[in-house]
Amino acid sequence: VTEVKGFGRQKGHTELYRGAEYVVDFLPKVKIEVVLTED
């Protein structure tokens, strides 16, 4: 498991912090990696 940041169709969003608006370009996500047999 890895903590990652990114965006797709969401393209980020704006947030309000201490009265100032700012753009969050990359949203927090989690990446899970698993190696498995075909079945």
PDB file of all heavy atoms in Angstrom:
ATOM      1  N   VAL A   1       0.850  -1.190   0.000  1.00  0.00           N
ATOM      2  CA  VAL A   1       0.000   0.000   0.000  1.00  0.00           C
ATOM      3  C   VAL A   1       0.886   1.240   0.000  1.00  0.00           C
ATOM      4  O   VAL A   1       1.845   1.325   0.765  1.00  0.00           O
ATOM      5  CB  VAL A   1      -0.917   0.021   1.244  1.00  0.00           C
ATOM      6  CG1 VAL A   1      -1.729   1.304   1.292  1.00  0.00           C
ATOM      7  CG2 VAL A   1      -1.817  -1.191   1.262  1.00  0.00           C
ATOM      8  N   THR A   2       0.556   2.182  -0.873  1.00  0.00           N
ATOM      9  CA  THR A   2       1.299   3.435  -0.970  1.00  0.00           C
ATOM     10  C   THR A   2       0.313   4.590  -0.966  1.00  0.00           C
ATOM     11  O   THR A   2      -0.710   4.532  -1.641  1.00  0.00           O
ATOM     12  CB  THR A   2       2.099   3.489  -2.301  1.00  0.00           C
ATOM     13  OG1 THR A   2       2.845   2.288  -2.451  1.00  0.00           O
ATOM     14  CG2 THR A   2       3.051   4.664  -2.320  1.00  0.00           C
ATOM     15  N   GLU A   3       0.635   5.631  -0.202  1.00  0.00           N
ATOM     16  CA  GLU A   3      -0.179   6.841  -0.251  1.00  0.00           C
ATOM     17  C   GLU A   3       0.276   7.653  -1.452  1.00  0.00           C
ATOM     18  O   GLU A   3       1.466   7.931  -1.604  1.00  0.00           O
ATOM     19  CB  GLU A   3      -0.014   7.651   1.033  1.00  0.00           C
ATOM     20  CG  GLU A   3      -0.620   6.985   2.239  1.00  0.00           C
ATOM     21  CD  GLU A   3      -0.488   7.805   3.508  1.00  0.00           C
ATOM     22  OE1 GLU A   3      -0.088   8.995   3.426  1.00  0.00           O
ATOM     23  OE2 GLU A   3      -0.765   7.264   4.577  1.00  0.00           O
ATOM     24  N   VAL A   4      -0.671   8.000  -2.318  1.00  0.00           N
ATOM     25  CA  VAL A   4      -0.352   8.740  -3.538  1.00  0.00           C
ATOM     26  C   VAL A   4      -1.291   9.933  -3.674  1.00  0.00           C
ATOM     27  O   VAL A   4      -2.272  10.047  -2.950  1.00  0.00           O
ATOM     28  CB  VAL A   4      -0.451   7.828  -4.791  1.00  0.00           C
ATOM     29  CG1 VAL A   4       0.591   6.736  -4.750  1.00  0.00           C
ATOM     30  CG2 VAL A   4      -1.839   7.247  -4.947  1.00  0.00           C
ATOM     31  N   LYS A   5      -0.986  10.802  -4.615  1.00  0.00           N
ATOM     32  CA  LYS A   5      -1.856  11.929  -4.932  1.00  0.00           C
ATOM     33  C   LYS A   5      -2.060  11.969  -6.429  1.00  0.00           C
ATOM     34  O   LYS A   5      -1.160  11.630  -7.193  1.00  0.00           O
ATOM     35  CB  LYS A   5      -1.233  13.247  -4.468  1.00  0.00           C
ATOM     36  CG  LYS A   5      -1.176  13.395  -2.971  1.00  0.00           C
ATOM     37  CD  LYS A   5      -0.633  14.736  -2.598  1.00  0.00           C
ATOM     38  CE  LYS A   5      -0.627  14.870  -1.085  1.00  0.00           C
ATOM     39  NZ  LYS A   5      -0.258  16.223  -0.672  1.00  0.00           N
ATOM     40  N   GLY A   6      -3.230  12.387  -6.850  1.00  0.00           N
ATOM     41  CA  GLY A   6      -3.485  12.480  -8.270  1.00  0.00           C
ATOM     42  C   GLY A   6      -4.873  13.010  -8.551  1.00  0.00           C
ATOM     43  O   GLY A   6      -5.600  13.376  -7.639  1.00  0.00           O
ATOM     44  N   PHE A   7      -5.220  13.028  -9.825  1.00  0.00           N
ATOM     45  CA  PHE A   7      -6.568  13.422 -10.208  1.00  0.00           C
ATOM     46  C   PHE A   7      -6.909  12.810 -11.545  1.00  0.00           C
ATOM     47  O   PHE A   7      -6.043  12.481 -12.337  1.00  0.00           O
ATOM     48  CB  PHE A   7      -6.732  14.950 -10.254  1.00  0.00           C
ATOM     49  CG  PHE A   7      -5.966  15.623 -11.355  1.00  0.00           C
ATOM     50  CD1 PHE A   7      -6.535  15.800 -12.603  1.00  0.00           C
ATOM     51  CD2 PHE A   7      -4.681  16.067 -11.138  1.00  0.00           C
ATOM     52  CE1 PHE A   7      -5.836  16.422 -13.620  1.00  0.00           C
ATOM     53  CE2 PHE A   7      -3.971  16.687 -12.145  1.00  0.00           C
ATOM     54  CZ  PHE A   7      -4.543  16.865 -13.386  1.00  0.00           C
ATOM     55  N   GLY A   8      -8.191  12.642 -11.765  1.00  0.00           N
ATOM     56  CA  GLY A   8      -8.697  12.149 -13.038  1.00  0.00           C
ATOM     57  C   GLY A   8      -9.681  13.168 -13.558  1.00  0.00           C
ATOM     58  O   GLY A   8      -9.350  14.329 -13.732  1.00  0.00           O
ATOM     59  N   ARG A   9     -10.908  12.730 -13.714  1.00  0.00           N
ATOM     60  CA  ARG A   9     -11.949  13.641 -14.190  1.00  0.00           C
ATOM     61  C   ARG A   9     -12.283  14.710 -13.158  1.00  0.00           C
ATOM     62  O   ARG A   9     -12.829  15.753 -13.498  1.00  0.00           O
ATOM     63  CB  ARG A   9     -13.217  12.864 -14.533  1.00  0.00           C
ATOM     64  CG  ARG A   9     -13.043  12.005 -15.745  1.00  0.00           C
ATOM     65  CD  ARG A   9     -14.334  11.339 -16.116  1.00  0.00           C
ATOM     66  NE  ARG A   9     -14.131  10.427 -17.217  1.00  0.00           N
ATOM     67  CZ  ARG A   9     -14.940   9.461 -17.529  1.00  0.00           C
ATOM     68  NH1 ARG A   9     -16.035   9.263 -16.831  1.00  0.00           N
ATOM     69  NH2 ARG A   9     -14.683   8.665 -18.546  1.00  0.00           N
ATOM     70  N   GLN A  10     -11.974  14.438 -11.896  1.00  0.00           N
ATOM     71  CA  GLN A  10     -12.281  15.399 -10.840  1.00  0.00           C
ATOM     72  C   GLN A  10     -11.544  16.714 -11.034  1.00  0.00           C
ATOM     73  O   GLN A  10     -12.028  17.766 -10.692  1.00  0.00           O
ATOM     74  CB  GLN A  10     -11.892  14.833  -9.474  1.00  0.00           C
ATOM     75  CG  GLN A  10     -12.729  13.676  -9.033  1.00  0.00           C
ATOM     76  CD  GLN A  10     -12.111  13.031  -7.810  1.00  0.00           C
ATOM     77  OE1 GLN A  10     -11.103  12.358  -7.917  1.00  0.00           O
ATOM     78  NE2 GLN A  10     -12.700  13.257  -6.676  1.00  0.00           N
ATOM     79  N   LYS A  11     -10.327  16.627 -11.517  1.00  0.00           N
ATOM     80  CA  LYS A  11      -9.465  17.786 -11.733  1.00  0.00           C
ATOM     81  C   LYS A  11      -9.312  18.637 -10.476  1.00  0.00           C
ATOM     82  O   LYS A  11      -9.230  19.850 -10.534  1.00  0.00           O
ATOM     83  CB  LYS A  11      -9.992  18.633 -12.883  1.00  0.00           C
ATOM     84  CG  LYS A  11      -9.989  17.897 -14.196  1.00  0.00           C
ATOM     85  CD  LYS A  11     -10.350  18.808 -15.332  1.00  0.00           C
ATOM     86  CE  LYS A  11     -10.233  18.103 -16.645  1.00  0.00           C
ATOM     87  NZ  LYS A  11     -11.368  17.304 -17.010  1.00  0.00           N
ATOM     88  N   GLY A  12      -9.278  17.992  -9.319  1.00  0.00           N
ATOM     89  CA  GLY A  12      -9.082  18.727  -8.074  1.00  0.00           C
ATOM     90  C   GLY A  12     -10.337  19.485  -7.660  1.00  0.00           C
ATOM     91  O   GLY A  12     -11.411  19.305  -8.212  1.00  0.00           O
ATOM     92  N   HIS A  13     -10.174  20.348  -6.669  1.00  0.00           N
ATOM     93  CA  HIS A  13     -11.287  21.164  -6.195  1.00  0.00           C
ATOM     94  C   HIS A  13     -10.732  22.340  -5.397  1.00  0.00           C
ATOM     95  O   HIS A  13      -9.543  22.406  -5.111  1.00  0.00           O
ATOM     96  CB  HIS A  13     -12.240  20.321  -5.335  1.00  0.00           C
ATOM     97  CG  HIS A  13     -11.604  19.773  -4.094  1.00  0.00           C
ATOM     98  ND1 HIS A  13     -10.849  18.629  -4.089  1.00  0.00           N
ATOM     99  CD2 HIS A  13     -11.605  20.228  -2.825  1.00  0.00           C
ATOM    100  CE1 HIS A  13     -10.415  18.397  -2.853  1.00  0.00           C
ATOM    101  NE2 HIS A  13     -10.854  19.351  -2.073  1.00  0.00           N
ATOM    102  N   THR A  14     -11.597  23.287  -5.025  1.00  0.00           N
ATOM    103  CA  THR A  14     -11.160  24.426  -4.226  1.00  0.00           C
ATOM    104  C   THR A  14     -11.602  24.225  -2.783  1.00  0.00           C
ATOM    105  O   THR A  14     -12.633  23.625  -2.510  1.00  0.00           O
ATOM    106  CB  THR A  14     -11.739  25.754  -4.756  1.00  0.00           C
ATOM    107  OG1 THR A  14     -13.158  25.650  -4.752  1.00  0.00           O
ATOM    108  CG2 THR A  14     -11.258  26.044  -6.162  1.00  0.00           C
ATOM    109  N   GLU A  15     -10.773  24.708  -1.868  1.00  0.00           N
ATOM    110  CA  GLU A  15     -11.088  24.642  -0.446  1.00  0.00           C
ATOM    111  C   GLU A  15     -10.889  26.008   0.174  1.00  0.00           C
ATOM    112  O   GLU A  15     -10.191  26.862  -0.366  1.00  0.00           O
ATOM    113  CB  GLU A  15     -10.194  23.614   0.260  1.00  0.00           C
ATOM    114  CG  GLU A  15     -10.564  22.190  -0.057  1.00  0.00           C
ATOM    115  CD  GLU A  15      -9.845  21.178   0.829  1.00  0.00           C
ATOM    116  OE1 GLU A  15      -9.150  21.591   1.775  1.00  0.00           O
ATOM    117  OE2 GLU A  15      -9.980  19.985   0.562  1.00  0.00           O
ATOM    118  N   LEU A  16     -11.498  26.186   1.330  1.00  0.00           N
ATOM    119  CA  LEU A  16     -11.384  27.441   2.057  1.00  0.00           C
ATOM    120  C   LEU A  16     -10.553  27.192   3.305  1.00  0.00           C
ATOM    121  O   LEU A  16     -10.849  26.279   4.089  1.00  0.00           O
ATOM    122  CB  LEU A  16     -12.796  27.922   2.440  1.00  0.00           C
ATOM    123  CG  LEU A  16     -12.960  29.378   2.823  1.00  0.00           C
ATOM    124  CD1 LEU A  16     -12.549  30.286   1.666  1.00  0.00           C
ATOM    125  CD2 LEU A  16     -14.393  29.647   3.216  1.00  0.00           C
ATOM    126  N   TYR A  17      -9.475  27.953   3.495  1.00  0.00           N
ATOM    127  CA  TYR A  17      -8.619  27.808   4.676  1.00  0.00           C
ATOM    128  C   TYR A  17      -8.335  29.190   5.240  1.00  0.00           C
ATOM    129  O   TYR A  17      -7.760  30.046   4.566  1.00  0.00           O
ATOM    130  CB  TYR A  17      -7.310  27.103   4.304  1.00  0.00           C
ATOM    131  CG  TYR A  17      -6.378  26.932   5.469  1.00  0.00           C
ATOM    132  CD1 TYR A  17      -6.659  26.001   6.466  1.00  0.00           C
ATOM    133  CD2 TYR A  17      -5.231  27.694   5.573  1.00  0.00           C
ATOM    134  CE1 TYR A  17      -5.801  25.846   7.546  1.00  0.00           C
ATOM    135  CE2 TYR A  17      -4.379  27.542   6.648  1.00  0.00           C
ATOM    136  CZ  TYR A  17      -4.668  26.618   7.627  1.00  0.00           C
ATOM    137  OH  TYR A  17      -3.822  26.462   8.706  1.00  0.00           O
ATOM    138  N   ARG A  18      -8.799  29.438   6.457  1.00  0.00           N
ATOM    139  CA  ARG A  18      -8.617  30.725   7.133  1.00  0.00           C
ATOM    140  C   ARG A  18      -9.078  31.896   6.265  1.00  0.00           C
ATOM    141  O   ARG A  18      -8.395  32.907   6.138  1.00  0.00           O
ATOM    142  CB  ARG A  18      -7.170  30.911   7.567  1.00  0.00           C
ATOM    143  CG  ARG A  18      -6.753  29.940   8.629  1.00  0.00           C
ATOM    144  CD  ARG A  18      -5.406  30.276   9.171  1.00  0.00           C
ATOM    145  NE  ARG A  18      -5.073  29.361  10.260  1.00  0.00           N
ATOM    146  CZ  ARG A  18      -4.009  29.448  10.986  1.00  0.00           C
ATOM    147  NH1 ARG A  18      -3.129  30.413  10.770  1.00  0.00           N
ATOM    148  NH2 ARG A  18      -3.771  28.584  11.945  1.00  0.00           N
ATOM    149  N   GLY A  19     -10.204  31.695   5.634  1.00  0.00           N
ATOM    150  CA  GLY A  19     -10.800  32.759   4.842  1.00  0.00           C
ATOM    151  C   GLY A  19     -10.253  32.907   3.436  1.00  0.00           C
ATOM    152  O   GLY A  19     -10.758  33.699   2.657  1.00  0.00           O
ATOM    153  N   ALA A  20      -9.222  32.142   3.104  1.00  0.00           N
ATOM    154  CA  ALA A  20      -8.645  32.237   1.756  1.00  0.00           C
ATOM    155  C   ALA A  20      -8.985  30.978   0.967  1.00  0.00           C
ATOM    156  O   ALA A  20      -8.910  29.870   1.494  1.00  0.00           O
ATOM    157  CB  ALA A  20      -7.133  32.408   1.846  1.00  0.00           C
ATOM    158  N   GLU A  21      -9.336  31.168  -0.278  1.00  0.00           N
ATOM    159  CA  GLU A  21      -9.652  30.047  -1.146  1.00  0.00           C
ATOM    160  C   GLU A  21      -8.376  29.572  -1.831  1.00  0.00           C
ATOM    161  O   GLU A  21      -7.550  30.380  -2.256  1.00  0.00           O
ATOM    162  CB  GLU A  21     -10.660  30.493  -2.216  1.00  0.00           C
ATOM    163  CG  GLU A  21     -11.818  29.557  -2.373  1.00  0.00           C
ATOM    164  CD  GLU A  21     -12.786  30.012  -3.438  1.00  0.00           C
ATOM    165  OE1 GLU A  21     -12.358  30.172  -4.589  1.00  0.00           O
ATOM    166  OE2 GLU A  21     -13.962  30.196  -3.098  1.00  0.00           O
ATOM    167  N   TYR A  22      -8.184  28.278  -1.909  1.00  0.00           N
ATOM    168  CA  TYR A  22      -7.047  27.763  -2.657  1.00  0.00           C
ATOM    169  C   TYR A  22      -7.455  26.489  -3.385  1.00  0.00           C
ATOM    170  O   TYR A  22      -8.403  25.826  -3.024  1.00  0.00           O
ATOM    171  CB  TYR A  22      -5.833  27.521  -1.751  1.00  0.00           C
ATOM    172  CG  TYR A  22      -6.007  26.422  -0.744  1.00  0.00           C
ATOM    173  CD1 TYR A  22      -5.500  25.149  -0.985  1.00  0.00           C
ATOM    174  CD2 TYR A  22      -6.676  26.639   0.457  1.00  0.00           C
ATOM    175  CE1 TYR A  22      -5.661  24.136  -0.075  1.00  0.00           C
ATOM    176  CE2 TYR A  22      -6.844  25.631   1.385  1.00  0.00           C
ATOM    177  CZ  TYR A  22      -6.320  24.382   1.113  1.00  0.00           C
ATOM    178  OH  TYR A  22      -6.478  23.367   2.027  1.00  0.00           O
ATOM    179  N   VAL A  23      -6.722  26.186  -4.443  1.00  0.00           N
ATOM    180  CA  VAL A  23      -7.042  25.054  -5.307  1.00  0.00           C
ATOM    181  C   VAL A  23      -6.231  23.835  -4.874  1.00  0.00           C
ATOM    182  O   VAL A  23      -5.026  23.930  -4.690  1.00  0.00           O
ATOM    183  CB  VAL A  23      -6.741  25.386  -6.789  1.00  0.00           C
ATOM    184  CG1 VAL A  23      -6.997  24.176  -7.684  1.00  0.00           C
ATOM    185  CG2 VAL A  23      -7.572  26.570  -7.241  1.00  0.00           C
ATOM    186  N   VAL A  24      -6.914  22.720  -4.710  1.00  0.00           N
ATOM    187  CA  VAL A  24      -6.254  21.451  -4.434  1.00  0.00           C
ATOM    188  C   VAL A  24      -6.206  20.699  -5.760  1.00  0.00           C
ATOM    189  O   VAL A  24      -7.219  20.178  -6.222  1.00  0.00           O
ATOM    190  CB  VAL A  24      -7.026  20.639  -3.364  1.00  0.00           C
ATOM    191  CG1 VAL A  24      -6.347  19.300  -3.121  1.00  0.00           C
ATOM    192  CG2 VAL A  24      -7.149  21.428  -2.077  1.00  0.00           C
ATOM    193  N   ASP A  25      -5.022  20.701  -6.388  1.00  0.00           N
ATOM    194  CA  ASP A  25      -4.887  20.070  -7.706  1.00  0.00           C
ATOM    195  C   ASP A  25      -4.832  18.552  -7.611  1.00  0.00           C
ATOM    196  O   ASP A  25      -5.378  17.851  -8.453  1.00  0.00           O
ATOM    197  CB  ASP A  25      -3.622  20.561  -8.404  1.00  0.00           C
ATOM    198  CG  ASP A  25      -3.743  22.008  -8.847  1.00  0.00           C
ATOM    199  OD1 ASP A  25      -4.868  22.432  -9.155  1.00  0.00           O
ATOM    200  OD2 ASP A  25      -2.718  22.700  -8.864  1.00  0.00           O
ATOM    201  N   PHE A  26      -4.132  18.043  -6.618  1.00  0.00           N
ATOM    202  CA  PHE A  26      -3.954  16.601  -6.478  1.00  0.00           C
ATOM    203  C   PHE A  26      -4.679  16.109  -5.235  1.00  0.00           C
ATOM    204  O   PHE A  26      -4.462  16.613  -4.141  1.00  0.00           O
ATOM    205  CB  PHE A  26      -2.464  16.257  -6.393  1.00  0.00           C
ATOM    206  CG  PHE A  26      -1.721  16.602  -7.641  1.00  0.00           C
ATOM    207  CD1 PHE A  26      -0.992  17.783  -7.728  1.00  0.00           C
ATOM    208  CD2 PHE A  26      -1.760  15.768  -8.745  1.00  0.00           C
ATOM    209  CE1 PHE A  26      -0.312  18.108  -8.888  1.00  0.00           C
ATOM    210  CE2 PHE A  26      -1.092  16.082  -9.907  1.00  0.00           C
ATOM    211  CZ  PHE A  26      -0.360  17.260  -9.974  1.00  0.00           C
ATOM    212  N   LEU A  27      -5.529  15.120  -5.430  1.00  0.00           N
ATOM    213  CA  LEU A  27      -6.323  14.587  -4.332  1.00  0.00           C
ATOM    214  C   LEU A  27      -5.633  13.368  -3.732  1.00  0.00           C
ATOM    215  O   LEU A  27      -5.015  12.578  -4.441  1.00  0.00           O
ATOM    216  CB  LEU A  27      -7.711  14.197  -4.853  1.00  0.00           C
ATOM    217  CG  LEU A  27      -8.483  15.346  -5.498  1.00  0.00           C
ATOM    218  CD1 LEU A  27      -9.726  14.822  -6.175  1.00  0.00           C
ATOM    219  CD2 LEU A  27      -8.835  16.387  -4.467  1.00  0.00           C
ATOM    220  N   PRO A  28      -5.737  13.188  -2.409  1.00  0.00           N
ATOM    221  CA  PRO A  28      -5.100  12.026  -1.779  1.00  0.00           C
ATOM    222  C   PRO A  28      -5.807  10.731  -2.178  1.00  0.00           C
ATOM    223  O   PRO A  28      -7.029  10.654  -2.190  1.00  0.00           O
ATOM    224  CB  PRO A  28      -5.252  12.298  -0.284  1.00  0.00           C
ATOM    225  CG  PRO A  28      -6.366  13.262  -0.167  1.00  0.00           C
ATOM    226  CD  PRO A  28      -6.404  14.049  -1.440  1.00  0.00           C
ATOM    227  N   LYS A  29      -5.013   9.751  -2.524  1.00  0.00           N
ATOM    228  CA  LYS A  29      -5.506   8.423  -2.899  1.00  0.00           C
ATOM    229  C   LYS A  29      -4.592   7.384  -2.268  1.00  0.00           C
ATOM    230  O   LYS A  29      -3.551   7.720  -1.716  1.00  0.00           O
ATOM    231  CB  LYS A  29      -5.510   8.231  -4.427  1.00  0.00           C
ATOM    232  CG  LYS A  29      -6.351   9.218  -5.210  1.00  0.00           C
ATOM    233  CD  LYS A  29      -7.817   8.957  -5.049  1.00  0.00           C
ATOM    234  CE  LYS A  29      -8.635   9.955  -5.872  1.00  0.00           C
ATOM    235  NZ  LYS A  29     -10.042   9.713  -5.754  1.00  0.00           N
ATOM    236  N   VAL A  30      -4.977   6.128  -2.390  1.00  0.00           N
ATOM    237  CA  VAL A  30      -4.153   5.016  -1.928  1.00  0.00           C
ATOM    238  C   VAL A  30      -3.967   4.064  -3.100  1.00  0.00           C
ATOM    239  O   VAL A  30      -4.922   3.768  -3.819  1.00  0.00           O
ATOM    240  CB  VAL A  30      -4.824   4.277  -0.745  1.00  0.00           C
ATOM    241  CG1 VAL A  30      -4.065   3.021  -0.381  1.00  0.00           C
ATOM    242  CG2 VAL A  30      -4.931   5.191   0.456  1.00  0.00           C
ATOM    243  N   LYS A  31      -2.727   3.604  -3.293  1.00  0.00           N
ATOM    244  CA  LYS A  31      -2.454   2.629  -4.356  1.00  0.00           C
ATOM    245  C   LYS A  31      -2.144   1.290  -3.702  1.00  0.00           C
ATOM    246  O   LYS A  31      -1.274   1.188  -2.836  1.00  0.00           O
ATOM    247  CB  LYS A  31      -1.284   3.063  -5.224  1.00  0.00           C
ATOM    248  CG  LYS A  31      -0.955   2.033  -6.315  1.00  0.00           C
ATOM    249  CD  LYS A  31      -0.061   2.574  -7.393  1.00  0.00           C
ATOM    250  CE  LYS A  31       1.371   2.602  -6.978  1.00  0.00           C
ATOM    251  NZ  LYS A  31       2.296   2.888  -8.099  1.00  0.00           N
ATOM    252  N   ILE A  32      -2.891   0.269  -4.119  1.00  0.00           N
ATOM    253  CA  ILE A  32      -2.692  -1.095  -3.635  1.00  0.00           C
ATOM    254  C   ILE A  32      -2.077  -1.892  -4.772  1.00  0.00           C
ATOM    255  O   ILE A  32      -2.558  -1.837  -5.899  1.00  0.00           O
ATOM    256  CB  ILE A  32      -4.031  -1.733  -3.225  1.00  0.00           C
ATOM    257  CG1 ILE A  32      -4.674  -0.926  -2.110  1.00  0.00           C
ATOM    258  CG2 ILE A  32      -3.828  -3.186  -2.819  1.00  0.00           C
ATOM    259  CD1 ILE A  32      -6.094  -1.336  -1.814  1.00  0.00           C
ATOM    260  N   GLU A  33      -1.017  -2.631  -4.457  1.00  0.00           N
ATOM    261  CA  GLU A  33      -0.370  -3.480  -5.457  1.00  0.00           C
ATOM    262  C   GLU A  33      -0.370  -4.918  -4.968  1.00  0.00           C
ATOM    263  O   GLU A  33      -0.018  -5.189  -3.824  1.00  0.00           O
ATOM    264  CB  GLU A  33       1.063  -3.019  -5.704  1.00  0.00           C
ATOM    265  CG  GLU A  33       1.152  -1.610  -6.275  1.00  0.00           C
ATOM    266  CD  GLU A  33       2.573  -1.124  -6.387  1.00  0.00           C
ATOM    267  OE1 GLU A  33       3.196  -1.370  -7.435  1.00  0.00           O
ATOM    268  OE2 GLU A  33       3.058  -0.521  -5.417  1.00  0.00           O
ATOM    269  N   VAL A  34      -0.781  -5.833  -5.851  1.00  0.00           N
ATOM    270  CA  VAL A  34      -0.841  -7.256  -5.526  1.00  0.00           C
ATOM    271  C   VAL A  34      -0.390  -8.041  -6.751  1.00  0.00           C
ATOM    272  O   VAL A  34      -0.835  -7.755  -7.857  1.00  0.00           O
ATOM    273  CB  VAL A  34      -2.286  -7.690  -5.175  1.00  0.00           C
ATOM    274  CG1 VAL A  34      -2.314  -9.134  -4.736  1.00  0.00           C
ATOM    275  CG2 VAL A  34      -2.892  -6.804  -4.119  1.00  0.00           C
ATOM    276  N   VAL A  35       0.486  -9.025  -6.550  1.00  0.00           N
ATOM    277  CA  VAL A  35       0.883  -9.917  -7.634  1.00  0.00           C
ATOM    278  C   VAL A  35       0.242 -11.269  -7.374  1.00  0.00           C
ATOM    279  O   VAL A  35       0.371 -11.829  -6.284  1.00  0.00           O
ATOM    280  CB  VAL A  35       2.418 -10.053  -7.732  1.00  0.00           C
ATOM    281  CG1 VAL A  35       2.801 -11.055  -8.809  1.00  0.00           C
ATOM    282  CG2 VAL A  35       3.050  -8.697  -8.020  1.00  0.00           C
ATOM    283  N   LEU A  36      -0.485 -11.776  -8.384  1.00  0.00           N
ATOM    284  CA  LEU A  36      -1.274 -12.987  -8.220  1.00  0.00           C
ATOM    285  C   LEU A  36      -1.105 -13.934  -9.398  1.00  0.00           C
ATOM    286  O   LEU A  36      -0.698 -13.530 -10.483  1.00  0.00           O
ATOM    287  CB  LEU A  36      -2.760 -12.624  -8.123  1.00  0.00           C
ATOM    288  CG  LEU A  36      -3.174 -11.671  -7.011  1.00  0.00           C
ATOM    289  CD1 LEU A  36      -4.591 -11.204  -7.230  1.00  0.00           C
ATOM    290  CD2 LEU A  36      -3.036 -12.343  -5.670  1.00  0.00           C
ATOM    291  N   THR A  37      -1.495 -15.179  -9.167  1.00  0.00           N
ATOM    292  CA  THR A  37      -1.559 -16.140 -10.262  1.00  0.00           C
ATOM    293  C   THR A  37      -2.823 -15.843 -11.071  1.00  0.00           C
ATOM    294  O   THR A  37      -3.752 -15.196 -10.600  1.00  0.00           O
ATOM    295  CB  THR A  37      -1.608 -17.588  -9.725  1.00  0.00           C
ATOM    296  OG1 THR A  37      -2.700 -17.702  -8.814  1.00  0.00           O
ATOM    297  CG2 THR A  37      -0.312 -17.951  -9.011  1.00  0.00           C
ATOM    298  N   GLU A  38      -2.844 -16.346 -12.292  1.00  0.00           N
ATOM    299  CA  GLU A  38      -3.939 -16.048 -13.230  1.00  0.00           C
ATOM    300  C   GLU A  38      -5.326 -16.376 -12.660  1.00  0.00           C
ATOM    301  O   GLU A  38      -6.281 -15.649 -12.882  1.00  0.00           O
ATOM    302  CB  GLU A  38      -3.745 -16.827 -14.532  1.00  0.00           C
ATOM    303  CG  GLU A  38      -2.467 -16.514 -15.276  1.00  0.00           C
ATOM    304  CD  GLU A  38      -2.536 -15.230 -16.076  1.00  0.00           C
ATOM    305  OE1 GLU A  38      -3.654 -14.786 -16.385  1.00  0.00           O
ATOM    306  OE2 GLU A  38      -1.467 -14.697 -16.393  1.00  0.00           O
ATOM    307  N   ASP A  39      -5.441 -17.474 -11.917  1.00  0.00           N
ATOM    308  CA  ASP A  39      -6.751 -17.916 -11.431  1.00  0.00           C
ATOM    309  C   ASP A  39      -7.332 -17.018 -10.348  1.00  0.00           C
ATOM    310  O   ASP A  39      -8.524 -17.075 -10.067  1.00  0.00           O
ATOM    311  CB  ASP A  39      -6.676 -19.368 -10.939  1.00  0.00           C
ATOM    312  CG  ASP A  39      -5.688 -19.548  -9.798  1.00  0.00           C
ATOM    313  OD1 ASP A  39      -4.611 -18.917  -9.837  1.00  0.00           O
ATOM    314  OD2 ASP A  39      -5.976 -20.336  -8.876  1.00  0.00           O
TER     315      ASP A  39
END
